C-alpha atoms as a PDB file:
ATOM      1  CA  MET A   1     -60.578 -92.845  40.302  1.00  0.00           C
ATOM      2  CA  THR A   2     -63.169 -94.062  38.635  1.00  0.00           C
ATOM      3  CA  THR A   3     -65.257 -92.226  36.651  1.00  0.00           C
ATOM      4  CA  LYS A   4     -67.833 -93.285  33.902  1.00  0.00           C
ATOM      5  CA  THR A   5     -67.761 -92.413  29.963  1.00  0.00           C
ATOM      6  CA  LYS A   6     -68.819 -89.121  29.171  1.00  0.00           C
ATOM      7  CA  LYS A   7     -72.125 -89.374  27.202  1.00  0.00           C
ATOM      8  CA  THR A   8     -71.228 -87.314  24.612  1.00  0.00           C
ATOM      9  CA  THR A   9     -67.537 -86.791  23.129  1.00  0.00           C
ATOM     10  CA  LYS A  10     -65.893 -83.705  23.518  1.00  0.00           C
ATOM     11  CA  LYS A  11     -66.843 -81.306  21.103  1.00  0.00           C
ATOM     12  CA  LYS A  12     -64.189 -79.854  18.820  1.00  0.00           C
ATOM     13  CA  THR A  13     -63.544 -76.184  19.395  1.00  0.00           C
ATOM     14  CA  THR A  14     -62.455 -73.791  16.405  1.00  0.00           C
ATOM     15  CA  LYS A  15     -60.902 -70.069  16.670  1.00  0.00           C
ATOM     16  CA  ASN A  16     -64.201 -68.972  15.322  1.00  0.00           C
ATOM     17  CA  ALA A  17     -66.225 -70.274  18.355  1.00  0.00           C
ATOM     18  CA  ASP A  18     -67.977 -67.853  21.157  1.00  0.00           C
ATOM     19  CA  ILE A  19     -65.391 -66.626  23.561  1.00  0.00           C
ATOM     20  CA  LEU A  20     -67.454 -66.420  26.826  1.00  0.00           C
ATOM     21  CA  VAL A  21     -64.837 -65.311  29.105  1.00  0.00           C
ATOM     22  CA  ASN A  22     -61.540 -63.444  28.153  1.00  0.00           C
ATOM     23  CA  VAL A  23     -58.809 -62.593  29.970  1.00  0.00           C
ATOM     24  CA  GLU A  24     -55.702 -60.466  29.294  1.00  0.00           C
ATOM     25  CA  ASN A  25     -52.875 -59.544  31.353  1.00  0.00           C
ATOM     26  CA  LEU A  26     -53.953 -60.247  34.672  1.00  0.00           C
ATOM     27  CA  LYS A  27     -52.413 -59.362  37.864  1.00  0.00           C
ATOM     28  CA  MET A  28     -53.156 -59.777  40.997  1.00  0.00           C
ATOM     29  CA  HIS A  29     -50.460 -58.539  43.940  1.00  0.00           C
ATOM     30  CA  PHE A  30     -50.863 -58.098  47.240  1.00  0.00           C
ATOM     31  CA  PRO A  31     -48.807 -55.883  49.151  1.00  0.00           C
ATOM     32  CA  VAL A  32     -46.220 -56.594  52.003  1.00  0.00           C
ATOM     33  CA  THR A  33     -46.155 -53.990  54.856  1.00  0.00           C
ATOM     34  CA  SER A  34     -43.918 -53.055  57.649  1.00  0.00           C
ATOM     35  CA  GLY A  35     -44.614 -51.165  60.899  1.00  0.00           C
ATOM     36  CA  VAL A  36     -47.278 -50.965  63.220  1.00  0.00           C
ATOM     37  CA  ILE A  37     -48.919 -48.067  63.629  1.00  0.00           C
ATOM     38  CA  MET A  38     -46.918 -46.231  60.452  1.00  0.00           C
ATOM     39  CA  GLN A  39     -47.117 -49.079  58.007  1.00  0.00           C
ATOM     40  CA  ARG A  40     -45.782 -49.044  54.789  1.00  0.00           C
ATOM     41  CA  THR A  41     -45.313 -50.968  51.959  1.00  0.00           C
ATOM     42  CA  VAL A  42     -42.251 -53.088  51.402  1.00  0.00           C
ATOM     43  CA  GLY A  43     -42.980 -55.352  48.645  1.00  0.00           C
ATOM     44  CA  GLN A  44     -45.738 -57.197  46.454  1.00  0.00           C
ATOM     45  CA  VAL A  45     -46.544 -60.784  46.613  1.00  0.00           C
ATOM     46  CA  LYS A  46     -46.819 -61.558  42.875  1.00  0.00           C
ATOM     47  CA  ALA A  47     -49.241 -63.995  42.958  1.00  0.00           C
ATOM     48  CA  VAL A  48     -50.199 -63.907  39.919  1.00  0.00           C
ATOM     49  CA  ASP A  49     -48.471 -62.165  37.157  1.00  0.00           C
ATOM     50  CA  ASN A  50     -49.297 -61.327  33.414  1.00  0.00           C
ATOM     51  CA  VAL A  51     -51.838 -63.950  32.732  1.00  0.00           C
ATOM     52  CA  SER A  52     -53.996 -64.094  29.682  1.00  0.00           C
ATOM     53  CA  PHE A  53     -56.467 -66.945  28.678  1.00  0.00           C
ATOM     54  CA  PHE A  54     -59.984 -66.790  27.338  1.00  0.00           C
ATOM     55  CA  VAL A  55     -63.047 -69.758  27.873  1.00  0.00           C
ATOM     56  CA  ARG A  56     -65.428 -70.577  25.236  1.00  0.00           C
ATOM     57  CA  LYS A  57     -68.912 -71.045  25.939  1.00  0.00           C
ATOM     58  CA  GLY A  58     -70.105 -74.584  26.898  1.00  0.00           C
ATOM     59  CA  GLU A  59     -66.438 -75.990  27.281  1.00  0.00           C
ATOM     60  CA  THR A  60     -64.339 -76.909  30.495  1.00  0.00           C
ATOM     61  CA  LEU A  61     -60.918 -75.258  30.696  1.00  0.00           C
ATOM     62  CA  GLY A  62     -58.426 -76.942  33.156  1.00  0.00           C
ATOM     63  CA  LEU A  63     -55.976 -74.847  35.315  1.00  0.00           C
ATOM     64  CA  VAL A  64     -53.205 -77.203  37.016  1.00  0.00           C
ATOM     65  CA  GLY A  65     -50.271 -76.668  39.231  1.00  0.00           C
ATOM     66  CA  GLU A  66     -48.630 -77.078  42.027  1.00  0.00           C
ATOM     67  CA  SER A  67     -49.534 -75.571  45.634  1.00  0.00           C
ATOM     68  CA  GLY A  68     -49.227 -72.000  45.750  1.00  0.00           C
ATOM     69  CA  CYS A  69     -48.746 -71.579  41.948  1.00  0.00           C
ATOM     70  CA  GLY A  70     -51.744 -69.102  41.925  1.00  0.00           C
ATOM     71  CA  LYS A  71     -54.580 -71.032  40.707  1.00  0.00           C
ATOM     72  CA  THR A  72     -57.156 -70.056  43.001  1.00  0.00           C
ATOM     73  CA  THR A  73     -56.123 -65.798  43.034  1.00  0.00           C
ATOM     74  CA  THR A  74     -56.077 -66.547  39.502  1.00  0.00           C
ATOM     75  CA  GLY A  75     -60.152 -67.589  39.641  1.00  0.00           C
ATOM     76  CA  ARG A  76     -61.189 -65.581  42.139  1.00  0.00           C
ATOM     77  CA  ALA A  77     -59.792 -62.330  40.536  1.00  0.00           C
ATOM     78  CA  VAL A  78     -61.811 -63.285  37.407  1.00  0.00           C
ATOM     79  CA  LEU A  79     -64.535 -63.190  39.235  1.00  0.00           C
ATOM     80  CA  GLN A  80     -63.899 -60.313  41.072  1.00  0.00           C
ATOM     81  CA  LEU A  81     -63.634 -61.593  44.436  1.00  0.00           C
ATOM     82  CA  TYR A  82     -60.331 -60.023  44.519  1.00  0.00           C
ATOM     83  CA  LYS A  83     -59.999 -57.029  42.591  1.00  0.00           C
ATOM     84  CA  PRO A  84     -57.325 -56.956  40.324  1.00  0.00           C
ATOM     85  CA  THR A  85     -54.180 -55.210  40.408  1.00  0.00           C
ATOM     86  CA  SER A  86     -54.108 -54.751  36.697  1.00  0.00           C
ATOM     87  CA  GLY A  87     -55.588 -56.355  33.178  1.00  0.00           C
ATOM     88  CA  LYS A  88     -58.819 -57.025  31.571  1.00  0.00           C
ATOM     89  CA  VAL A  89     -61.710 -59.482  32.569  1.00  0.00           C
ATOM     90  CA  GLN A  90     -64.048 -59.595  30.025  1.00  0.00           C
ATOM     91  CA  PHE A  91     -67.685 -61.689  30.297  1.00  0.00           C
ATOM     92  CA  ASN A  92     -69.279 -61.902  27.474  1.00  0.00           C
ATOM     93  CA  GLY A  93     -68.061 -58.743  25.928  1.00  0.00           C
ATOM     94  CA  GLN A  94     -68.508 -56.981  29.074  1.00  0.00           C
ATOM     95  CA  GLU A  95     -65.384 -55.196  30.599  1.00  0.00           C
ATOM     96  CA  LEU A  96     -65.801 -56.808  35.023  1.00  0.00           C
ATOM     97  CA  THR A  97     -63.111 -54.777  36.312  1.00  0.00           C
ATOM     98  CA  GLU A  98     -64.648 -51.490  35.107  1.00  0.00           C
ATOM     99  CA  LEU A  99     -68.427 -52.494  37.598  1.00  0.00           C
ATOM    100  CA  ASN A 100     -69.165 -50.943  40.473  1.00  0.00           C
ATOM    101  CA  ALA A 101     -70.523 -52.858  43.177  1.00  0.00           C
ATOM    102  CA  ASN A 102     -74.272 -52.843  42.464  1.00  0.00           C
ATOM    103  CA  GLU A 103     -73.320 -53.721  39.072  1.00  0.00           C
ATOM    104  CA  MET A 104     -71.123 -56.672  40.051  1.00  0.00           C
ATOM    105  CA  ARG A 105     -73.880 -57.829  42.260  1.00  0.00           C
ATOM    106  CA  ALA A 106     -76.270 -58.414  38.971  1.00  0.00           C
ATOM    107  CA  MET A 107     -73.304 -59.896  37.539  1.00  0.00           C
ATOM    108  CA  ARG A 108     -73.447 -62.576  39.941  1.00  0.00           C
ATOM    109  CA  LYS A 109     -76.163 -64.312  38.423  1.00  0.00           C
ATOM    110  CA  GLU A 110     -74.340 -64.891  35.574  1.00  0.00           C
ATOM    111  CA  VAL A 111     -70.689 -66.009  37.495  1.00  0.00           C
ATOM    112  CA  GLN A 112     -70.738 -68.597  40.266  1.00  0.00           C
ATOM    113  CA  ILE A 113     -68.010 -70.156  42.442  1.00  0.00           C
ATOM    114  CA  ILE A 114     -67.961 -73.671  43.712  1.00  0.00           C
ATOM    115  CA  PHE A 115     -65.358 -73.510  46.552  1.00  0.00           C
ATOM    116  CA  GLN A 116     -62.360 -75.879  47.640  1.00  0.00           C
ATOM    117  CA  ASP A 117     -63.389 -76.652  50.984  1.00  0.00           C
ATOM    118  CA  PRO A 118     -66.831 -78.055  51.473  1.00  0.00           C
ATOM    119  CA  TYR A 119     -66.543 -78.237  54.946  1.00  0.00           C
ATOM    120  CA  GLY A 120     -65.533 -74.312  55.607  1.00  0.00           C
ATOM    121  CA  SER A 121     -67.599 -72.558  53.046  1.00  0.00           C
ATOM    122  CA  LEU A 122     -70.960 -73.423  54.633  1.00  0.00           C
ATOM    123  CA  ASN A 123     -72.573 -71.038  57.367  1.00  0.00           C
ATOM    124  CA  PRO A 124     -73.158 -73.727  60.390  1.00  0.00           C
ATOM    125  CA  ARG A 125     -75.794 -71.588  61.477  1.00  0.00           C
ATOM    126  CA  MET A 126     -77.807 -72.332  58.096  1.00  0.00           C
ATOM    127  CA  SER A 127     -79.742 -75.182  57.178  1.00  0.00           C
ATOM    128  CA  ALA A 128     -79.207 -76.526  53.685  1.00  0.00           C
ATOM    129  CA  GLY A 129     -82.282 -74.979  52.725  1.00  0.00           C
ATOM    130  CA  ASP A 130     -81.305 -71.192  53.577  1.00  0.00           C
ATOM    131  CA  ILE A 131     -78.044 -71.956  51.645  1.00  0.00           C
ATOM    132  CA  ILE A 132     -79.101 -72.780  48.827  1.00  0.00           C
ATOM    133  CA  GLY A 133     -81.936 -70.161  48.762  1.00  0.00           C
ATOM    134  CA  GLU A 134     -80.193 -67.290  49.954  1.00  0.00           C
ATOM    135  CA  PRO A 135     -79.617 -66.568  46.073  1.00  0.00           C
ATOM    136  CA  LEU A 136     -83.036 -66.656  45.167  1.00  0.00           C
ATOM    137  CA  LYS A 137     -83.362 -64.139  47.735  1.00  0.00           C
ATOM    138  CA  VAL A 138     -80.780 -61.631  46.988  1.00  0.00           C
ATOM    139  CA  HIS A 139     -81.519 -61.768  42.974  1.00  0.00           C
ATOM    140  CA  LYS A 140     -85.094 -61.745  43.668  1.00  0.00           C
ATOM    141  CA  LEU A 141     -85.819 -65.021  41.477  1.00  0.00           C
ATOM    142  CA  VAL A 142     -88.669 -66.295  43.292  1.00  0.00           C
ATOM    143  CA  SER A 143     -91.980 -64.178  44.635  1.00  0.00           C
ATOM    144  CA  ASN A 144     -93.529 -66.417  47.098  1.00  0.00           C
ATOM    145  CA  LYS A 145     -92.450 -68.861  49.874  1.00  0.00           C
ATOM    146  CA  LYS A 146     -94.128 -71.828  47.576  1.00  0.00           C
ATOM    147  CA  GLU A 147     -92.074 -70.896  44.706  1.00  0.00           C
ATOM    148  CA  TYR A 148     -89.020 -70.636  46.870  1.00  0.00           C
ATOM    149  CA  GLN A 149     -89.683 -74.106  48.408  1.00  0.00           C
ATOM    150  CA  ASP A 150     -90.151 -75.684  44.995  1.00  0.00           C
ATOM    151  CA  LYS A 151     -86.699 -74.255  43.709  1.00  0.00           C
ATOM    152  CA  VAL A 152     -84.822 -75.526  46.169  1.00  0.00           C
ATOM    153  CA  ALA A 153     -86.023 -78.692  46.493  1.00  0.00           C
ATOM    154  CA  GLU A 154     -85.635 -78.834  42.535  1.00  0.00           C
ATOM    155  CA  LEU A 155     -81.896 -78.134  43.284  1.00  0.00           C
ATOM    156  CA  LEU A 156     -81.604 -80.355  45.906  1.00  0.00           C
ATOM    157  CA  SER A 157     -82.471 -83.217  43.327  1.00  0.00           C
ATOM    158  CA  VAL A 158     -80.887 -82.085  41.123  1.00  0.00           C
ATOM    159  CA  VAL A 159     -77.712 -82.489  42.552  1.00  0.00           C
ATOM    160  CA  GLY A 160     -78.698 -85.393  43.758  1.00  0.00           C
ATOM    161  CA  LEU A 161     -79.779 -85.195  47.426  1.00  0.00           C
ATOM    162  CA  SER A 162     -83.666 -85.539  48.653  1.00  0.00           C
ATOM    163  CA  PRO A 163     -85.489 -83.073  49.145  1.00  0.00           C
ATOM    164  CA  TYR A 164     -86.251 -83.683  53.052  1.00  0.00           C
ATOM    165  CA  MET A 165     -82.798 -82.696  53.428  1.00  0.00           C
ATOM    166  CA  ALA A 166     -83.122 -79.019  53.237  1.00  0.00           C
ATOM    167  CA  ASP A 167     -84.022 -78.717  56.839  1.00  0.00           C
ATOM    168  CA  ARG A 168     -80.464 -80.094  58.100  1.00  0.00           C
ATOM    169  CA  TYR A 169     -77.678 -78.018  59.156  1.00  0.00           C
ATOM    170  CA  PRO A 170     -73.937 -78.896  57.178  1.00  0.00           C
ATOM    171  CA  HIS A 171     -72.308 -80.771  60.081  1.00  0.00           C
ATOM    172  CA  GLU A 172     -74.986 -83.894  59.576  1.00  0.00           C
ATOM    173  CA  PHE A 173     -73.958 -84.213  56.086  1.00  0.00           C
ATOM    174  CA  SER A 174     -70.340 -86.050  54.562  1.00  0.00           C
ATOM    175  CA  GLY A 175     -67.772 -84.187  53.224  1.00  0.00           C
ATOM    176  CA  GLY A 176     -69.496 -85.419  49.324  1.00  0.00           C
ATOM    177  CA  GLN A 177     -73.309 -84.005  50.350  1.00  0.00           C
ATOM    178  CA  ARG A 178     -71.431 -80.825  51.856  1.00  0.00           C
ATOM    179  CA  GLN A 179     -69.994 -80.418  48.377  1.00  0.00           C
ATOM    180  CA  ARG A 180     -73.267 -81.197  46.434  1.00  0.00           C
ATOM    181  CA  ILE A 181     -74.982 -78.500  48.477  1.00  0.00           C
ATOM    182  CA  GLY A 182     -71.962 -75.926  47.650  1.00  0.00           C
ATOM    183  CA  ILE A 183     -72.624 -77.051  43.704  1.00  0.00           C
ATOM    184  CA  ALA A 184     -76.332 -76.198  44.512  1.00  0.00           C
ATOM    185  CA  ARG A 185     -75.914 -73.137  45.922  1.00  0.00           C
ATOM    186  CA  ALA A 186     -73.819 -72.077  42.870  1.00  0.00           C
ATOM    187  CA  LEU A 187     -76.691 -73.573  40.121  1.00  0.00           C
ATOM    188  CA  ALA A 188     -79.497 -71.868  42.219  1.00  0.00           C
ATOM    189  CA  VAL A 189     -79.184 -68.557  40.213  1.00  0.00           C
ATOM    190  CA  ASN A 190     -78.678 -70.193  36.628  1.00  0.00           C
ATOM    191  CA  PRO A 191     -75.188 -68.893  35.901  1.00  0.00           C
ATOM    192  CA  SER A 192     -73.271 -69.178  32.411  1.00  0.00           C
ATOM    193  CA  PHE A 193     -69.818 -69.484  33.966  1.00  0.00           C
ATOM    194  CA  VAL A 194     -68.612 -71.395  37.275  1.00  0.00           C
ATOM    195  CA  VAL A 195     -65.190 -71.522  38.859  1.00  0.00           C
ATOM    196  CA  CYS A 196     -64.803 -74.657  40.281  1.00  0.00           C
ATOM    197  CA  ASP A 197     -61.857 -74.274  42.864  1.00  0.00           C
ATOM    198  CA  GLU A 198     -60.479 -77.491  43.377  1.00  0.00           C
ATOM    199  CA  PRO A 199     -64.037 -78.963  44.273  1.00  0.00           C
ATOM    200  CA  VAL A 200     -63.028 -82.714  44.554  1.00  0.00           C
ATOM    201  CA  SER A 201     -59.210 -81.841  46.590  1.00  0.00           C
ATOM    202  CA  ALA A 202     -61.216 -82.554  49.875  1.00  0.00           C
ATOM    203  CA  LEU A 203     -62.779 -85.854  49.003  1.00  0.00           C
ATOM    204  CA  ASP A 204     -61.983 -89.104  48.732  1.00  0.00           C
ATOM    205  CA  VAL A 205     -61.641 -91.113  45.739  1.00  0.00           C
ATOM    206  CA  SER A 206     -65.171 -92.629  45.325  1.00  0.00           C
ATOM    207  CA  ILE A 207     -66.900 -89.254  46.371  1.00  0.00           C
ATOM    208  CA  GLN A 208     -64.717 -87.724  43.688  1.00  0.00           C
ATOM    209  CA  ALA A 209     -65.683 -89.585  41.017  1.00  0.00           C
ATOM    210  CA  GLN A 210     -69.411 -89.098  41.894  1.00  0.00           C
ATOM    211  CA  VAL A 211     -68.870 -85.279  42.086  1.00  0.00           C
ATOM    212  CA  VAL A 212     -66.866 -85.081  38.570  1.00  0.00           C
ATOM    213  CA  ASN A 213     -69.584 -87.203  37.081  1.00  0.00           C
ATOM    214  CA  LEU A 214     -72.225 -85.035  38.519  1.00  0.00           C
ATOM    215  CA  LEU A 215     -70.667 -81.630  37.479  1.00  0.00           C
ATOM    216  CA  GLU A 216     -70.237 -83.391  33.615  1.00  0.00           C
ATOM    217  CA  ASP A 217     -73.949 -84.035  33.397  1.00  0.00           C
ATOM    218  CA  LEU A 218     -74.945 -80.558  34.742  1.00  0.00           C
ATOM    219  CA  GLN A 219     -72.662 -79.011  32.135  1.00  0.00           C
ATOM    220  CA  GLU A 220     -74.674 -81.267  29.688  1.00  0.00           C
ATOM    221  CA  GLN A 221     -77.758 -80.248  31.160  1.00  0.00           C
ATOM    222  CA  PHE A 222     -77.478 -76.671  31.366  1.00  0.00           C
ATOM    223  CA  GLY A 223     -75.022 -75.793  28.788  1.00  0.00           C
ATOM    224  CA  LEU A 224     -72.544 -74.499  31.277  1.00  0.00           C
ATOM    225  CA  THR A 225     -69.237 -73.352  31.008  1.00  0.00           C
ATOM    226  CA  TYR A 226     -66.138 -73.981  34.004  1.00  0.00           C
ATOM    227  CA  LEU A 227     -62.901 -73.250  34.701  1.00  0.00           C
ATOM    228  CA  PHE A 228     -61.922 -75.991  36.507  1.00  0.00           C
ATOM    229  CA  ILE A 229     -59.081 -75.481  39.226  1.00  0.00           C
ATOM    230  CA  ALA A 230     -57.440 -79.032  40.611  1.00  0.00           C
ATOM    231  CA  HIS A 231     -54.020 -80.713  41.691  1.00  0.00           C
ATOM    232  CA  ASP A 232     -55.268 -84.176  40.181  1.00  0.00           C
ATOM    233  CA  LEU A 233     -53.948 -83.884  36.440  1.00  0.00           C
ATOM    234  CA  SER A 234     -55.762 -87.373  35.740  1.00  0.00           C
ATOM    235  CA  VAL A 235     -59.071 -85.950  36.956  1.00  0.00           C
ATOM    236  CA  VAL A 236     -58.540 -82.657  34.796  1.00  0.00           C
ATOM    237  CA  LYS A 237     -57.566 -84.519  31.582  1.00  0.00           C
ATOM    238  CA  HIS A 238     -60.861 -86.400  32.106  1.00  0.00           C
ATOM    239  CA  ILE A 239     -63.138 -83.005  32.380  1.00  0.00           C
ATOM    240  CA  SER A 240     -61.189 -80.670  30.629  1.00  0.00           C
ATOM    241  CA  ASP A 241     -61.682 -79.779  26.659  1.00  0.00           C
ATOM    242  CA  ARG A 242     -58.153 -77.395  26.985  1.00  0.00           C
ATOM    243  CA  ILE A 243     -55.559 -77.386  29.705  1.00  0.00           C
ATOM    244  CA  ALA A 244     -53.672 -74.437  31.259  1.00  0.00           C
ATOM    245  CA  VAL A 245     -50.362 -74.938  32.934  1.00  0.00           C
ATOM    246  CA  MET A 246     -49.391 -72.526  35.809  1.00  0.00           C
ATOM    247  CA  TYR A 247     -46.109 -71.867  37.768  1.00  0.00           C
ATOM    248  CA  LEU A 248     -44.896 -69.191  39.850  1.00  0.00           C
ATOM    249  CA  GLY A 249     -48.311 -67.107  38.699  1.00  0.00           C
ATOM    250  CA  HIS A 250     -47.401 -67.409  35.261  1.00  0.00           C
ATOM    251  CA  ILE A 251     -49.355 -69.537  32.461  1.00  0.00           C
ATOM    252  CA  VAL A 252     -46.134 -71.123  30.848  1.00  0.00           C
ATOM    253  CA  GLU A 253     -48.389 -73.654  28.657  1.00  0.00           C
ATOM    254  CA  ILE A 254     -51.991 -74.124  27.054  1.00  0.00           C
ATOM    255  CA  ALA A 255     -53.138 -76.924  24.921  1.00  0.00           C
ATOM    256  CA  PRO A 256     -56.314 -79.420  24.203  1.00  0.00           C
ATOM    257  CA  ALA A 257     -56.605 -81.969  27.085  1.00  0.00           C
ATOM    258  CA  ASN A 258     -54.901 -84.873  24.392  1.00  0.00           C
ATOM    259  CA  GLU A 259     -52.370 -82.296  22.580  1.00  0.00           C
ATOM    260  CA  LEU A 260     -51.413 -81.392  26.662  1.00  0.00           C
ATOM    261  CA  TYR A 261     -50.495 -85.028  27.606  1.00  0.00           C
ATOM    262  CA  PHE A 262     -49.036 -86.605  24.404  1.00  0.00           C
ATOM    263  CA  ASN A 263     -47.069 -83.751  23.159  1.00  0.00           C
ATOM    264  CA  PRO A 264     -46.149 -81.454  26.495  1.00  0.00           C
ATOM    265  CA  ILE A 265     -43.360 -79.194  25.182  1.00  0.00           C
ATOM    266  CA  HIS A 266     -42.349 -76.905  28.467  1.00  0.00           C
ATOM    267  CA  ALA A 267     -40.264 -78.067  31.037  1.00  0.00           C
ATOM    268  CA  TYR A 268     -42.096 -77.425  33.924  1.00  0.00           C
ATOM    269  CA  THR A 269     -45.441 -79.562  31.856  1.00  0.00           C
ATOM    270  CA  ARG A 270     -43.012 -82.624  31.209  1.00  0.00           C
ATOM    271  CA  ALA A 271     -42.156 -82.509  35.072  1.00  0.00           C
ATOM    272  CA  LEU A 272     -45.451 -82.144  36.221  1.00  0.00           C
ATOM    273  CA  LEU A 273     -46.556 -85.328  33.845  1.00  0.00           C
ATOM    274  CA  SER A 274     -43.735 -87.401  34.678  1.00  0.00           C
ATOM    275  CA  ALA A 275     -45.216 -87.484  38.231  1.00  0.00           C
ATOM    276  CA  ILE A 276     -48.438 -89.049  37.730  1.00  0.00           C
ATOM    277  CA  PRO A 277     -48.445 -92.661  39.032  1.00  0.00           C
ATOM    278  CA  ILE A 278     -49.006 -95.223  36.411  1.00  0.00           C
ATOM    279  CA  PRO A 279     -50.934 -98.424  37.682  1.00  0.00           C
ATOM    280  CA  ASP A 280     -48.402-100.808  35.839  1.00  0.00           C
ATOM    281  CA  PRO A 281     -45.618-101.928  37.687  1.00  0.00           C
ATOM    282  CA  THR A 282     -43.276-102.515  34.941  1.00  0.00           C
ATOM    283  CA  ILE A 283     -43.976 -99.350  32.943  1.00  0.00           C
ATOM    284  CA  GLU A 284     -43.576 -97.236  36.214  1.00  0.00           C
ATOM    285  CA  LYS A 285     -39.893 -99.033  36.877  1.00  0.00           C
ATOM    286  CA  THR A 286     -38.975 -98.167  33.578  1.00  0.00           C
ATOM    287  CA  ARG A 287     -40.173 -94.559  32.865  1.00  0.00           C
ATOM    288  CA  GLU A 288     -38.396 -91.616  33.342  1.00  0.00           C
ATOM    289  CA  ARG A 289     -39.355 -89.490  36.184  1.00  0.00           C
ATOM    290  CA  ILE A 290     -38.240 -85.912  35.950  1.00  0.00           C
ATOM    291  CA  ILE A 291     -36.577 -84.571  39.220  1.00  0.00           C
ATOM    292  CA  LEU A 292     -36.708 -81.067  39.212  1.00  0.00           C
ATOM    293  CA  GLU A 293     -33.498 -78.888  41.262  1.00  0.00           C
ATOM    294  CA  GLY A 294     -33.882 -76.240  44.070  1.00  0.00           C
ATOM    295  CA  ASP A 295     -37.094 -75.240  45.677  1.00  0.00           C
ATOM    296  CA  VAL A 296     -40.022 -72.974  44.036  1.00  0.00           C
ATOM    297  CA  PRO A 297     -38.882 -69.555  44.491  1.00  0.00           C
ATOM    298  CA  SER A 298     -40.995 -67.120  46.426  1.00  0.00           C
ATOM    299  CA  PRO A 299     -43.556 -64.858  44.973  1.00  0.00           C
ATOM    300  CA  LEU A 300     -42.257 -61.703  46.881  1.00  0.00           C
ATOM    301  CA  ASN A 301     -38.924 -62.012  45.165  1.00  0.00           C
ATOM    302  CA  PRO A 302     -39.381 -64.134  41.837  1.00  0.00           C
ATOM    303  CA  PRO A 303     -36.576 -64.993  39.116  1.00  0.00           C
ATOM    304  CA  GLU A 304     -36.048 -61.880  36.326  1.00  0.00           C
ATOM    305  CA  GLY A 305     -36.781 -63.007  33.168  1.00  0.00           C
ATOM    306  CA  CYS A 306     -38.069 -66.964  32.973  1.00  0.00           C
ATOM    307  CA  VAL A 307     -39.562 -67.750  36.227  1.00  0.00           C
ATOM    308  CA  PHE A 308     -38.337 -71.230  35.709  1.00  0.00           C
ATOM    309  CA  LYS A 309     -34.964 -70.350  35.817  1.00  0.00           C
ATOM    310  CA  GLY A 310     -33.035 -72.970  38.069  1.00  0.00           C
ATOM    311  CA  ARG A 311     -35.093 -75.344  38.415  1.00  0.00           C
ATOM    312  CA  ARG A 312     -34.140 -77.788  35.283  1.00  0.00           C
ATOM    313  CA  ALA A 313     -31.428 -80.122  35.602  1.00  0.00           C
ATOM    314  CA  MET A 314     -29.146 -78.502  32.986  1.00  0.00           C
ATOM    315  CA  LYS A 315     -26.885 -80.671  30.815  1.00  0.00           C
ATOM    316  CA  LYS A 316     -24.288 -80.083  28.455  1.00  0.00           C
ATOM    317  CA  GLY A 317     -25.106 -78.444  25.383  1.00  0.00           C
ATOM    318  CA  GLN A 318     -28.394 -76.943  27.038  1.00  0.00           C
ATOM    319  CA  LYS A 319     -29.774 -73.455  26.192  1.00  0.00           C
ATOM    320  CA  PRO A 320     -30.198 -71.312  29.296  1.00  0.00           C
ATOM    321  CA  CYS A 321     -33.454 -69.997  30.129  1.00  0.00           C
ATOM    322  CA  SER A 322     -34.327 -66.496  29.073  1.00  0.00           C
ATOM    323  CA  ASP A 323     -33.448 -63.290  30.671  1.00  0.00           C
ATOM    324  CA  THR A 324     -36.722 -61.690  29.510  1.00  0.00           C
ATOM    325  CA  THR A 325     -40.076 -62.327  30.270  1.00  0.00           C
ATOM    326  CA  PRO A 326     -41.249 -65.561  28.312  1.00  0.00           C
ATOM    327  CA  VAL A 327     -44.675 -64.578  26.519  1.00  0.00           C
ATOM    328  CA  LEU A 328     -47.450 -67.273  24.952  1.00  0.00           C
ATOM    329  CA  VAL A 329     -46.375 -68.145  21.542  1.00  0.00           C
ATOM    330  CA  GLU A 330     -48.552 -70.657  19.308  1.00  0.00           C
ATOM    331  CA  VAL A 331     -46.458 -73.428  18.187  1.00  0.00           C
ATOM    332  CA  SER A 332     -49.409 -75.574  16.943  1.00  0.00           C
ATOM    333  CA  PRO A 333     -53.165 -75.145  16.375  1.00  0.00           C
ATOM    334  CA  GLU A 334     -54.534 -74.264  19.641  1.00  0.00           C
ATOM    335  CA  HIS A 335     -51.497 -75.238  21.332  1.00  0.00           C
ATOM    336  CA  TRP A 336     -49.547 -72.559  23.497  1.00  0.00           C
ATOM    337  CA  VAL A 337     -46.215 -71.937  25.170  1.00  0.00           C
ATOM    338  CA  ALA A 338     -44.401 -69.973  26.998  1.00  0.00           C
ATOM    339  CA  ASP A 339     -41.260 -68.886  24.473  1.00  0.00           C
ATOM    340  CA  CYS A 340     -38.254 -69.481  26.761  1.00  0.00           C
ATOM    341  CA  PRO A 341     -35.564 -71.270  24.681  1.00  0.00           C
ATOM    342  CA  GLY A 342     -34.172 -73.339  27.359  1.00  0.00           C
ATOM    343  CA  CYS A 343     -37.521 -74.617  28.769  1.00  0.00           C
ATOM    344  CA  MET A 344     -39.135 -75.462  25.071  1.00  0.00           C
ATOM    345  CA  GLU A 345     -35.945 -77.646  24.882  1.00  0.00           C
ATOM    346  CA  LYS A 346     -36.042 -81.516  24.938  1.00  0.00           C
END
């Protein structure tokens, strides 16, 4: 994917920088029920299990991992679109899990989401202008029709669409244009924090570059803070200040983008990075590809202790995975890793 060079270099964050979003011990478990009339809970799908991280004002935290690891569920639980099973989610010092429905609705002006599917996230019965303008009406951000129309036209222009497209319906737009409408809808209430839930995964490569560049420009223009969820590690490295790696509902490593790519410590992070293709046949032919063993365990019945247990190709003399649940430890400034002695061993 081709992306333009950023106009400004990534800021150097420090521990004293303002933290906008702070997540502590977040759990999102979905009950599994049995029976038709008399239903009873027979298990719990541990989609997100004891996740902690923070996002500083104005930065982008990338969240990566394979399908089904809990990335989207984490993003939705942070925004209270799913009510977390337990844990704390603080936004600008305010605890979101304690807000009632009316208080959370008011908070939606500050926290927004760009959905993954540009085809399914737009109401086919509403025009682009109505979709973008609905948040303005809900939060009473405009006082008359003229102001409403001007604001919708401005938002369309900001995301690179012509204002005359406001009367068109979703089926009249391409995938990239629909995603731009989704971005405009998220920006309508002037939020501080936006969860980008795989905003480019359903788009072709050339359109991906346009959307990523647009997100970078909007962040610079409006001072936005992103939680950027994606599969494509090259896209995440390009846009993120820091990256968190997720596996089976747990965060196993968090580090600055360059640090994670040049000095990965956790075994799962190393395996993910080895899967990134290099557009040089000579290097690609000689580099080591880390092959994991077995399949991803079910979140209904995850392994005891280290969730990565059984996935490493064990060599003679290597340490086994921990029998207790690892916790994140800081191995170098800003670089946190799950403290499983087996997974940290290279």
